[in-house]
C-alpha atoms as a PDB file:
ATOM      1  CA  MET A   1      62.276 -42.672  39.463  1.00  0.00           C
ATOM      2  CA  GLU A   2      61.551 -46.290  40.222  1.00  0.00           C
ATOM      3  CA  LEU A   3      59.222 -48.288  37.994  1.00  0.00           C
ATOM      4  CA  ARG A   4      57.043 -50.735  39.874  1.00  0.00           C
ATOM      5  CA  ASP A   5      54.234 -53.036  38.913  1.00  0.00           C
ATOM      6  CA  ASP A   6      52.087 -52.192  41.934  1.00  0.00           C
ATOM      7  CA  GLN A   7      48.365 -52.393  41.383  1.00  0.00           C
ATOM      8  CA  PRO A   8      46.105 -49.529  42.493  1.00  0.00           C
ATOM      9  CA  THR A   9      44.023 -49.910  45.628  1.00  0.00           C
ATOM     10  CA  VAL A  10      40.339 -50.631  45.061  1.00  0.00           C
ATOM     11  CA  ARG A  11      37.902 -48.737  47.295  1.00  0.00           C
ATOM     12  CA  GLU A  12      34.169 -49.183  47.314  1.00  0.00           C
ATOM     13  CA  ILE A  13      32.014 -46.340  48.577  1.00  0.00           C
ATOM     14  CA  GLY A  14      28.308 -46.983  48.362  1.00  0.00           C
ATOM     15  CA  ASN A  15      27.577 -48.487  44.966  1.00  0.00           C
ATOM     16  CA  ARG A  16      30.707 -47.023  43.315  1.00  0.00           C
ATOM     17  CA  THR A  17      34.138 -48.556  42.982  1.00  0.00           C
ATOM     18  CA  TYR A  18      37.207 -46.307  42.896  1.00  0.00           C
ATOM     19  CA  LEU A  19      40.772 -47.138  41.928  1.00  0.00           C
ATOM     20  CA  VAL A  20      43.290 -45.231  44.042  1.00  0.00           C
ATOM     21  CA  ALA A  21      46.826 -45.191  42.673  1.00  0.00           C
ATOM     22  CA  ASP A  22      49.770 -44.753  45.017  1.00  0.00           C
ATOM     23  CA  VAL A  23      51.099 -41.485  43.596  1.00  0.00           C
ATOM     24  CA  GLU A  24      53.383 -39.066  45.389  1.00  0.00           C
ATOM     25  CA  PRO A  25      52.062 -35.484  45.492  1.00  0.00           C
ATOM     26  CA  LEU A  26      53.873 -32.865  43.453  1.00  0.00           C
ATOM     27  CA  ASP A  27      56.096 -30.499  45.354  1.00  0.00           C
ATOM     28  CA  VAL A  28      54.850 -27.323  43.725  1.00  0.00           C
ATOM     29  CA  ASP A  29      55.413 -23.906  45.249  1.00  0.00           C
ATOM     30  CA  GLY A  30      53.265 -21.945  42.776  1.00  0.00           C
ATOM     31  CA  VAL A  31      55.857 -19.262  41.997  1.00  0.00           C
ATOM     32  CA  ARG A  32      56.103 -20.024  38.276  1.00  0.00           C
ATOM     33  CA  THR A  33      52.323 -20.294  37.940  1.00  0.00           C
ATOM     34  CA  VAL A  34      51.764 -16.899  39.540  1.00  0.00           C
ATOM     35  CA  GLU A  35      54.571 -15.354  37.464  1.00  0.00           C
ATOM     36  CA  VAL A  36      52.875 -16.540  34.264  1.00  0.00           C
ATOM     37  CA  GLY A  37      49.533 -15.195  35.477  1.00  0.00           C
ATOM     38  CA  VAL A  38      50.991 -11.782  36.295  1.00  0.00           C
ATOM     39  CA  ALA A  39      52.710 -11.683  32.898  1.00  0.00           C
ATOM     40  CA  LEU A  40      49.420 -12.410  31.148  1.00  0.00           C
ATOM     41  CA  TRP A  41      47.639  -9.639  33.070  1.00  0.00           C
ATOM     42  CA  VAL A  42      50.435  -7.194  32.154  1.00  0.00           C
ATOM     43  CA  ILE A  43      50.248  -8.238  28.498  1.00  0.00           C
ATOM     44  CA  GLY A  44      46.480  -7.695  28.588  1.00  0.00           C
ATOM     45  CA  PHE A  45      46.957  -4.238  30.127  1.00  0.00           C
ATOM     46  CA  VAL A  46      49.563  -3.214  27.552  1.00  0.00           C
ATOM     47  CA  ALA A  47      47.445  -4.588  24.688  1.00  0.00           C
ATOM     48  CA  LEU A  48      44.376  -2.613  25.808  1.00  0.00           C
ATOM     49  CA  LEU A  49      46.223   0.610  26.646  1.00  0.00           C
ATOM     50  CA  PRO A  50      46.195   2.044  23.078  1.00  0.00           C
ATOM     51  CA  PHE A  51      42.434   1.493  22.922  1.00  0.00           C
ATOM     52  CA  TYR A  52      41.570   3.078  26.261  1.00  0.00           C
ATOM     53  CA  GLY A  53      39.755   6.046  24.683  1.00  0.00           C
ATOM     54  CA  ARG A  54      37.591   3.804  22.561  1.00  0.00           C
ATOM     55  CA  LEU A  55      36.947   1.432  25.450  1.00  0.00           C
ATOM     56  CA  ARG A  56      35.985   4.313  27.758  1.00  0.00           C
ATOM     57  CA  ASP A  57      33.625   5.787  25.157  1.00  0.00           C
ATOM     58  CA  ALA A  58      31.922   2.390  24.735  1.00  0.00           C
ATOM     59  CA  GLY A  59      31.605   1.990  28.508  1.00  0.00           C
ATOM     60  CA  HIS A  60      34.264  -0.744  28.687  1.00  0.00           C
ATOM     61  CA  GLY A  61      37.048   1.200  30.355  1.00  0.00           C
ATOM     62  CA  TRP A  62      36.819  -1.210  33.277  1.00  0.00           C
ATOM     63  CA  MET A  63      38.610  -3.824  31.148  1.00  0.00           C
ATOM     64  CA  LEU A  64      41.895  -1.937  31.358  1.00  0.00           C
ATOM     65  CA  TRP A  65      41.595  -1.476  35.108  1.00  0.00           C
ATOM     66  CA  THR A  66      40.703  -5.133  35.588  1.00  0.00           C
ATOM     67  CA  CYS A  67      44.021  -6.041  33.965  1.00  0.00           C
ATOM     68  CA  ALA A  68      45.836  -3.565  36.215  1.00  0.00           C
ATOM     69  CA  ALA A  69      44.127  -4.970  39.315  1.00  0.00           C
ATOM     70  CA  GLY A  70      44.900  -8.541  38.230  1.00  0.00           C
ATOM     71  CA  ALA A  71      48.587  -7.685  37.803  1.00  0.00           C
ATOM     72  CA  GLY A  72      48.713  -5.859  41.146  1.00  0.00           C
ATOM     73  CA  LEU A  73      47.008  -8.641  43.070  1.00  0.00           C
ATOM     74  CA  GLY A  74      49.189 -11.156  41.239  1.00  0.00           C
ATOM     75  CA  LEU A  75      52.296  -9.341  42.490  1.00  0.00           C
ATOM     76  CA  LEU A  76      50.977  -9.667  46.034  1.00  0.00           C
ATOM     77  CA  GLY A  77      50.349 -13.361  45.420  1.00  0.00           C
ATOM     78  CA  LEU A  78      53.837 -13.736  43.968  1.00  0.00           C
ATOM     79  CA  GLU A  79      55.389 -12.329  47.125  1.00  0.00           C
ATOM     80  CA  TYR A  80      53.244 -14.681  49.209  1.00  0.00           C
ATOM     81  CA  CYS A  81      54.381 -17.702  47.160  1.00  0.00           C
ATOM     82  CA  ARG A  82      58.034 -16.670  47.378  1.00  0.00           C
ATOM     83  CA  ARG A  83      57.818 -16.287  51.164  1.00  0.00           C
ATOM     84  CA  ARG A  84      56.100 -19.666  51.445  1.00  0.00           C
ATOM     85  CA  LYS A  85      58.805 -21.248  49.267  1.00  0.00           C
ATOM     86  CA  ARG A  86      61.554 -19.777  51.481  1.00  0.00           C
ATOM     87  CA  ALA A  87      59.780 -20.907  54.665  1.00  0.00           C
ATOM     88  CA  ARG A  88      59.360 -24.457  53.345  1.00  0.00           C
ATOM     89  CA  ALA A  89      63.030 -24.555  52.319  1.00  0.00           C
ATOM     90  CA  ALA A  90      64.044 -23.368  55.799  1.00  0.00           C
ATOM     91  CA  LEU A  91      61.875 -26.086  57.396  1.00  0.00           C
ATOM     92  CA  ARG A  92      63.425 -28.754  55.174  1.00  0.00           C
ATOM     93  CA  GLU A  93      66.911 -27.471  56.022  1.00  0.00           C
ATOM     94  CA  ALA A  94      66.132 -27.429  59.747  1.00  0.00           C
ATOM     95  CA  ALA A  95      64.697 -30.963  59.556  1.00  0.00           C
ATOM     96  CA  GLY A  96      67.748 -32.117  57.603  1.00  0.00           C
ATOM     97  CA  SER A  97      70.230 -30.613  60.050  1.00  0.00           C
ATOM     98  CA  ALA A  98      68.260 -31.930  63.060  1.00  0.00           C
ATOM     99  CA  GLY A  99      68.270 -35.414  61.538  1.00  0.00           C
ATOM    100  CA  SER A 100      72.027 -35.359  60.905  1.00  0.00           C
ATOM    101  CA  ALA A 101      72.771 -34.020  64.413  1.00  0.00           C
ATOM    102  CA  ALA A 102      71.030 -36.983  66.075  1.00  0.00           C
END
């Protein structure tokens, strides 16, 4: 990391003034975020499971199935993020090998 004393860019749009800092975007693949989300849905499902009878009798049985659906959809999202991460790594590798071959 390089520390610089660069000043942010000033942009004026209409009657507002914005400061725009020169910040590199994060290289985030989302895998850890989705894993945490799936874990929370599973914890919610397991926590509600002993109370399913009471929830169903009160008309709130949908809460348990919402947790199950959240975990299931999260697993699909996790696979999507993992595939995207692998594809981006393959693109970086291909760009790196193409640059060294030239």
